[in-house]
């Protein structure tokens, strides 16, 4: 008999954080689950570590797949989901931790309301190197199509659980969106079902400074994909399909100019976010290389330089307090040690 919840997580060169993620799922207070881990042709021994952990943990709910060549996260995720059968699909971010009640509470919410197709939870952003933590409390219960388009993504992705029937009806993740694939999917699913949130802290999201939210080059690309997802969603179906095909053939840089106001807003926020979390070099690079306006560029450079000073501990503490960040306020240690 198949498990009710299929948990899927994908890895590329993150061997060191396999154990904490896998054990966090296998130690859930909910047993009717399977965990499928895919390694997308990592070069750091992830596959060997997966095999070793599977032998050590000896849990029949754990399966893993090793790709012979790198397929990319979205293709790997689509394939992994197709190899599972659970009524519900739980996405799990690589290196992140699901707290013990996550799967049980999200599945209970879906059990109790057949009209809900996507459910998230409250989560903490964690910088392991400094100990800084910030609790995020999104609420998707009032989300509709217009709000999702104008306000942006309501989930961080790694903490969501999906109802498979709505996921398949929407067409699943689109491989044209190598970035912002979750946002593109939500913009289609919101037309079919409602979204919801378990209003409890159930997930710890470990910030990876080589990821799309912080690495300057990846952030600029990811921002373009998000903007294209919005455009596709608001066009008539045939025009939207044509834009997706253009994305496949031409790429995001050809469709969104560097000066696009929405892209500039995303990049500005990204620079501030990097500075707050202590990635001062990234914050500076975003400002210098991607912000086109002189005044916002200068403001961001000053902000990053100020927070990065060893004598600015009190200023960092004030900024952290205003943002609800706990711990790590006095540290200026580079967080790049978290790079996988």
Protein backbone atom coordinates (compact mmCIF):
# COMPACT_ATOMS: atom_id res chain seq x y z
CA UNK A 1 0.00 0.00 0.00
CA UNK A 2 1.44 3.38 -1.02
CA UNK A 3 2.16 6.16 1.47
CA UNK A 4 -0.29 9.02 1.71
CA UNK A 5 2.42 11.71 1.65
CA UNK A 6 5.34 11.63 -0.76
CA UNK A 7 8.22 13.85 0.37
CA UNK A 8 10.64 14.85 -2.39
CA UNK A 9 14.01 16.58 -2.04
CA UNK A 10 16.83 17.16 -4.52
CA UNK A 11 20.56 17.66 -4.02
CA UNK A 12 23.46 18.99 -6.03
CA UNK A 13 26.80 19.20 -4.23
CA UNK A 14 25.37 19.50 -0.73
CA UNK A 15 26.72 16.33 0.83
CA UNK A 16 27.41 17.93 4.19
CA UNK A 17 23.75 18.73 4.89
CA UNK A 18 22.14 15.44 3.82
CA UNK A 19 21.79 13.95 7.28
CA UNK A 20 19.92 16.77 8.97
CA UNK A 21 17.33 17.00 6.21
CA UNK A 22 16.74 13.26 5.84
CA UNK A 23 16.51 12.60 9.58
CA UNK A 24 14.12 15.53 10.04
CA UNK A 25 11.64 13.79 7.70
CA UNK A 26 12.11 10.28 9.05
CA UNK A 27 11.61 11.60 12.61
CA UNK A 28 8.25 13.24 11.82
CA UNK A 29 5.28 12.60 14.13
CA UNK A 30 3.49 11.29 11.03
CA UNK A 31 4.42 7.83 9.70
CA UNK A 32 2.38 7.43 6.52
CA UNK A 33 5.03 8.92 4.26
CA UNK A 34 7.77 8.07 1.82
CA UNK A 35 10.92 10.10 1.22
CA UNK A 36 12.50 10.20 -2.23
CA UNK A 37 15.89 11.91 -2.46
CA UNK A 38 17.50 12.57 -5.84
CA UNK A 39 21.14 13.42 -6.41
CA UNK A 40 21.54 15.42 -9.62
CA UNK A 41 24.98 14.08 -10.58
CA UNK A 42 26.82 15.80 -7.73
CA UNK A 43 30.61 15.94 -7.80
CA UNK A 44 31.19 16.05 -4.04
CA UNK A 45 30.36 12.48 -3.08
CA UNK A 46 26.68 13.12 -2.36
CA UNK A 47 25.72 9.79 -3.96
CA UNK A 48 28.12 7.84 -1.77
CA UNK A 49 26.89 9.63 1.34
CA UNK A 50 23.28 8.91 0.37
CA UNK A 51 24.03 5.20 0.05
CA UNK A 52 25.85 5.19 3.39
CA UNK A 53 23.01 6.99 5.16
CA UNK A 54 20.42 4.65 3.66
CA UNK A 55 22.33 1.65 5.01
CA UNK A 56 22.79 3.27 8.41
CA UNK A 57 19.21 4.46 8.84
CA UNK A 58 17.71 1.26 7.39
CA UNK A 59 14.27 2.82 6.94
CA UNK A 60 12.04 1.37 4.18
CA UNK A 61 10.39 4.78 3.72
CA UNK A 62 13.66 6.21 2.34
CA UNK A 63 14.52 5.80 -1.35
CA UNK A 64 17.10 7.62 -3.42
CA UNK A 65 17.88 8.11 -7.10
CA UNK A 66 21.26 9.10 -8.54
CA UNK A 67 21.31 10.78 -11.95
CA UNK A 68 24.07 9.77 -14.34
CA UNK A 69 24.15 13.32 -15.70
CA UNK A 70 22.98 16.64 -14.37
CA UNK A 71 19.35 17.23 -15.36
CA UNK A 72 18.73 20.48 -13.50
CA UNK A 73 16.59 20.90 -10.42
CA UNK A 74 13.22 21.32 -12.14
CA UNK A 75 13.55 18.29 -14.42
CA UNK A 76 14.84 16.26 -11.49
CA UNK A 77 11.94 17.39 -9.33
CA UNK A 78 9.36 16.53 -12.01
CA UNK A 79 10.86 13.09 -12.47
CA UNK A 80 11.02 12.44 -8.73
CA UNK A 81 7.37 13.40 -8.25
CA UNK A 82 6.39 11.11 -11.15
CA UNK A 83 8.10 8.23 -9.33
CA UNK A 84 5.93 8.70 -6.25
CA UNK A 85 2.24 7.98 -5.69
CA UNK A 86 1.19 9.81 -2.53
CA UNK A 87 -2.06 11.74 -2.51
CA UNK A 88 -0.06 14.66 -1.14
CA UNK A 89 3.37 15.85 -2.29
CA UNK A 90 5.63 17.56 0.25
CA UNK A 91 8.56 19.55 -1.09
CA UNK A 92 11.64 19.60 1.15
CA UNK A 93 14.52 22.01 0.62
CA UNK A 94 18.02 20.52 0.55
CA UNK A 95 19.77 21.18 3.83
CA UNK A 96 16.61 22.48 5.48
CA UNK A 97 14.85 20.94 8.48
CA UNK A 98 11.18 20.09 8.87
CA UNK A 99 10.17 20.26 12.52
CA UNK A 100 8.48 17.10 13.85
CA UNK A 101 4.85 18.17 13.36
CA UNK A 102 5.11 19.62 9.85
CA UNK A 103 3.89 16.68 7.74
CA UNK A 104 1.12 15.73 10.16
CA UNK A 105 -0.34 19.24 10.48
CA UNK A 106 -0.16 20.04 6.77
CA UNK A 107 -1.75 16.72 5.79
CA UNK A 108 -4.50 17.21 8.39
CA UNK A 109 -5.29 20.61 6.91
CA UNK A 110 -5.55 19.10 3.41
CA UNK A 111 -7.66 16.23 4.78
CA UNK A 112 -10.09 18.71 6.30
CA UNK A 113 -10.54 20.94 3.25
CA UNK A 114 -10.60 19.32 -0.22
CA UNK A 115 -10.61 22.77 -1.86
CA UNK A 116 -7.09 23.57 -0.62
CA UNK A 117 -4.34 22.52 -3.03
CA UNK A 118 -1.21 24.15 -1.55
CA UNK A 119 -0.38 24.59 2.12
CA UNK A 120 2.65 26.23 3.71
CA UNK A 121 3.62 27.07 7.29
CA UNK A 122 5.61 29.55 9.30
CA UNK A 123 9.35 29.10 8.88
CA UNK A 124 12.62 30.51 10.18
CA UNK A 125 15.43 31.75 7.97
CA UNK A 126 18.67 30.59 9.60
CA UNK A 127 22.28 31.65 9.00
CA UNK A 128 24.21 28.75 10.44
CA UNK A 129 27.59 30.52 10.51
CA UNK A 130 26.38 33.39 12.73
CA UNK A 131 23.40 31.86 14.54
CA UNK A 132 21.04 34.55 13.22
CA UNK A 133 17.40 33.49 12.85
CA UNK A 134 14.34 35.32 11.55
CA UNK A 135 10.85 33.87 11.86
CA UNK A 136 8.65 34.42 8.81
CA UNK A 137 4.89 34.22 9.26
CA UNK A 138 3.24 34.30 5.81
CA UNK A 139 -0.50 33.78 5.51
CA UNK A 140 -1.76 32.29 2.26
CA UNK A 141 -5.37 31.80 3.38
CA UNK A 142 -6.59 35.00 1.70
CA UNK A 143 -4.41 34.65 -1.40
CA UNK A 144 -6.09 34.97 -4.78
CA UNK A 145 -4.78 35.37 -8.31
CA UNK A 146 -4.57 39.17 -8.27
CA UNK A 147 -2.73 39.26 -4.94
CA UNK A 148 -0.33 36.54 -6.08
CA UNK A 149 0.53 38.53 -9.20
CA UNK A 150 0.96 41.88 -7.48
CA UNK A 151 2.53 40.79 -4.18
CA UNK A 152 4.70 37.95 -5.44
CA UNK A 153 5.40 34.51 -4.06
CA UNK A 154 3.73 33.74 -0.75
CA UNK A 155 5.81 30.61 -0.07
CA UNK A 156 9.56 29.93 0.11
CA UNK A 157 8.92 26.59 -1.68
CA UNK A 158 10.76 24.12 0.56
CA UNK A 159 8.00 24.14 3.18
CA UNK A 160 4.96 23.49 0.97
CA UNK A 161 2.70 20.48 0.60
CA UNK A 162 0.60 20.01 -2.54
CA UNK A 163 -2.50 18.03 -3.35
CA UNK A 164 -1.40 15.83 -6.25
CA UNK A 165 -4.70 16.08 -8.14
CA UNK A 166 -4.44 19.88 -8.43
CA UNK A 167 -0.71 19.69 -9.17
CA UNK A 168 -1.35 17.36 -12.11
CA UNK A 169 -4.36 19.36 -13.31
CA UNK A 170 -2.14 22.48 -13.46
CA UNK A 171 0.48 20.61 -15.48
CA UNK A 172 3.17 20.41 -12.80
CA UNK A 173 6.45 22.30 -12.80
CA UNK A 174 7.42 23.66 -16.23
CA UNK A 175 10.99 22.94 -17.29
CA UNK A 176 11.14 26.25 -19.16
CA UNK A 177 11.30 27.88 -15.71
CA UNK A 178 14.69 26.78 -14.44
CA UNK A 179 14.19 29.51 -11.82
CA UNK A 180 10.95 30.66 -10.14
CA UNK A 181 9.42 27.31 -11.10
CA UNK A 182 7.39 27.33 -7.91
CA UNK A 183 5.94 30.80 -8.51
CA UNK A 184 5.01 29.83 -12.06
CA UNK A 185 3.23 26.75 -10.70
CA UNK A 186 1.37 28.69 -7.99
CA UNK A 187 0.11 31.18 -10.58
CA UNK A 188 -1.54 28.28 -12.40
CA UNK A 189 -2.75 26.38 -9.33
CA UNK A 190 -4.39 29.44 -7.74
CA UNK A 191 -6.95 29.32 -10.56
CA UNK A 192 -7.85 25.75 -9.59
CA UNK A 193 -7.73 25.67 -5.80
CA UNK A 194 -7.21 27.68 -2.64
CA UNK A 195 -3.97 28.15 -0.71
CA UNK A 196 -3.54 27.93 3.04
CA UNK A 197 -0.98 28.11 5.83
CA UNK A 198 -0.53 26.20 9.07
CA UNK A 199 0.11 29.14 11.43
CA UNK A 200 2.89 27.41 13.33
CA UNK A 201 6.68 27.39 13.04
CA UNK A 202 7.25 24.03 11.36
CA UNK A 203 10.30 24.57 9.14
CA UNK A 204 13.87 25.88 9.38
CA UNK A 205 15.22 27.24 6.09
CA UNK A 206 19.02 27.33 6.13
CA UNK A 207 20.22 30.19 3.96
CA UNK A 208 22.65 29.11 1.26
CA UNK A 209 24.58 32.13 0.02
CA UNK A 210 25.25 30.45 -3.31
CA UNK A 211 21.50 30.23 -3.95
CA UNK A 212 19.18 32.27 -6.15
CA UNK A 213 18.20 34.69 -3.38
CA UNK A 214 21.75 35.84 -2.59
CA UNK A 215 24.29 35.05 -5.30
CA UNK A 216 24.32 38.27 -7.40
CA UNK A 217 24.32 36.66 -10.84
CA UNK A 218 21.71 34.05 -9.91
CA UNK A 219 19.53 36.68 -8.25
CA UNK A 220 19.46 38.77 -11.44
CA UNK A 221 18.43 35.72 -13.46
CA UNK A 222 15.87 34.55 -10.91
CA UNK A 223 14.26 37.99 -10.81
CA UNK A 224 13.75 37.87 -14.57
CA UNK A 225 12.10 34.46 -14.39
CA UNK A 226 9.69 35.75 -11.72
CA UNK A 227 8.72 38.70 -13.90
CA UNK A 228 8.20 36.41 -16.90
CA UNK A 229 6.01 34.10 -14.79
CA UNK A 230 3.81 37.10 -13.96
CA UNK A 231 3.60 38.10 -17.62
CA UNK A 232 2.69 34.59 -18.74
CA UNK A 233 -0.01 34.30 -16.08
CA UNK A 234 -1.71 37.54 -17.08
CA UNK A 235 -1.72 36.93 -20.84
CA UNK A 236 -4.43 35.06 -22.74
CA UNK A 237 -3.54 31.32 -22.77
CA UNK A 238 -2.18 31.13 -26.33
CA UNK A 239 -0.09 34.29 -25.91
CA UNK A 240 1.20 32.94 -22.61
CA UNK A 241 2.22 29.68 -24.26
CA UNK A 242 4.07 31.60 -26.96
CA UNK A 243 5.95 33.57 -24.31
CA UNK A 244 6.94 30.32 -22.58
CA UNK A 245 8.31 29.05 -25.88
CA UNK A 246 10.26 32.28 -26.33
CA UNK A 247 11.66 31.76 -22.85
CA UNK A 248 12.82 28.27 -23.85
CA UNK A 249 14.46 29.45 -27.05
CA UNK A 250 15.76 32.92 -26.17
CA UNK A 251 16.29 32.80 -22.42
CA UNK A 252 15.26 35.28 -19.70
CA UNK A 253 17.88 37.94 -20.44
CA UNK A 254 16.34 38.53 -23.86
CA UNK A 255 12.88 39.05 -22.41
CA UNK A 256 13.55 41.31 -19.40
CA UNK A 257 15.90 44.30 -19.72
CA UNK A 258 18.31 45.28 -16.92
CA UNK A 259 16.40 48.56 -16.44
CA UNK A 260 13.02 46.89 -15.91
CA UNK A 261 11.51 48.59 -12.80
CA UNK A 262 10.30 45.31 -11.31
CA UNK A 263 13.73 43.74 -11.74
CA UNK A 264 15.42 46.76 -10.19
CA UNK A 265 13.09 46.54 -7.19
CA UNK A 266 13.92 42.84 -6.70
CA UNK A 267 17.65 43.53 -6.98
CA UNK A 268 17.45 46.44 -4.52
CA UNK A 269 15.73 44.19 -1.98
CA UNK A 270 18.27 41.46 -2.66
CA UNK A 271 21.19 43.76 -1.92
CA UNK A 272 19.61 44.89 1.35
CA UNK A 273 18.85 41.28 2.31
CA UNK A 274 22.44 40.19 1.66
CA UNK A 275 23.82 43.06 3.73
CA UNK A 276 21.49 42.30 6.63
CA UNK A 277 22.55 38.65 6.69
CA UNK A 278 26.23 39.57 6.57
CA UNK A 279 26.99 38.81 2.91
CA UNK A 280 28.52 42.26 2.40
CA UNK A 281 30.51 41.35 -0.71
CA UNK A 282 27.38 40.05 -2.42
CA UNK A 283 25.39 43.13 -1.40
CA UNK A 284 28.11 45.35 -2.85
CA UNK A 285 28.36 43.37 -6.08
CA UNK A 286 24.59 43.53 -6.62
CA UNK A 287 24.68 47.30 -6.19
CA UNK A 288 27.68 47.89 -8.42
CA UNK A 289 26.90 45.43 -11.20
CA UNK A 290 23.11 45.35 -11.43
CA UNK A 291 21.52 48.51 -9.99
CA UNK A 292 21.15 50.96 -12.86
CA UNK A 293 20.11 54.08 -10.93
CA UNK A 294 22.90 56.14 -9.41
CA UNK A 295 21.13 57.18 -6.18
CA UNK A 296 19.87 53.71 -5.19
CA UNK A 297 23.28 52.26 -6.11
CA UNK A 298 25.08 54.71 -3.82
CA UNK A 299 22.58 54.16 -1.02
CA UNK A 300 23.08 50.39 -1.17
CA UNK A 301 26.86 50.69 -1.23
CA UNK A 302 26.80 52.93 1.84
CA UNK A 303 24.38 50.59 3.64
CA UNK A 304 26.54 47.51 2.97
CA UNK A 305 29.75 49.31 3.91
CA UNK A 306 28.23 50.62 7.13
CA UNK A 307 26.89 47.26 8.30
CA UNK A 308 30.17 45.57 7.44
CA UNK A 309 32.29 47.71 9.77
CA UNK A 310 33.60 45.94 12.87
CA UNK A 311 32.57 48.92 14.99
CA UNK A 312 28.97 48.84 13.72
CA UNK A 313 27.73 46.10 16.07
CA UNK A 314 25.18 48.43 17.67
CA UNK A 315 23.81 49.47 14.29
CA UNK A 316 23.51 45.83 13.24
CA UNK A 317 21.77 45.04 16.50
CA UNK A 318 19.21 47.80 15.86
CA UNK A 319 18.62 46.58 12.29
CA UNK A 320 18.22 43.00 13.49
CA UNK A 321 15.80 44.07 16.21
CA UNK A 322 13.68 46.03 13.73
CA UNK A 323 13.53 43.01 11.41
CA UNK A 324 12.84 40.51 14.17
CA UNK A 325 16.17 38.72 13.74
CA UNK A 326 17.43 36.78 16.75
CA UNK A 327 21.11 36.10 17.43
CA UNK A 328 24.18 36.89 15.36
CA UNK A 329 23.72 40.65 15.45
CA UNK A 330 27.24 41.42 16.61
CA UNK A 331 28.99 39.11 14.19
CA UNK A 332 30.70 40.23 10.98
CA UNK A 333 32.03 36.78 10.15
CA UNK A 334 31.58 35.92 6.49
CA UNK A 335 28.67 33.52 5.97
CA UNK A 336 30.29 32.09 2.87
CA UNK A 337 31.41 29.10 4.87
CA UNK A 338 27.93 27.78 4.18
CA UNK A 339 28.57 27.54 0.46
CA UNK A 340 28.22 23.94 -0.66
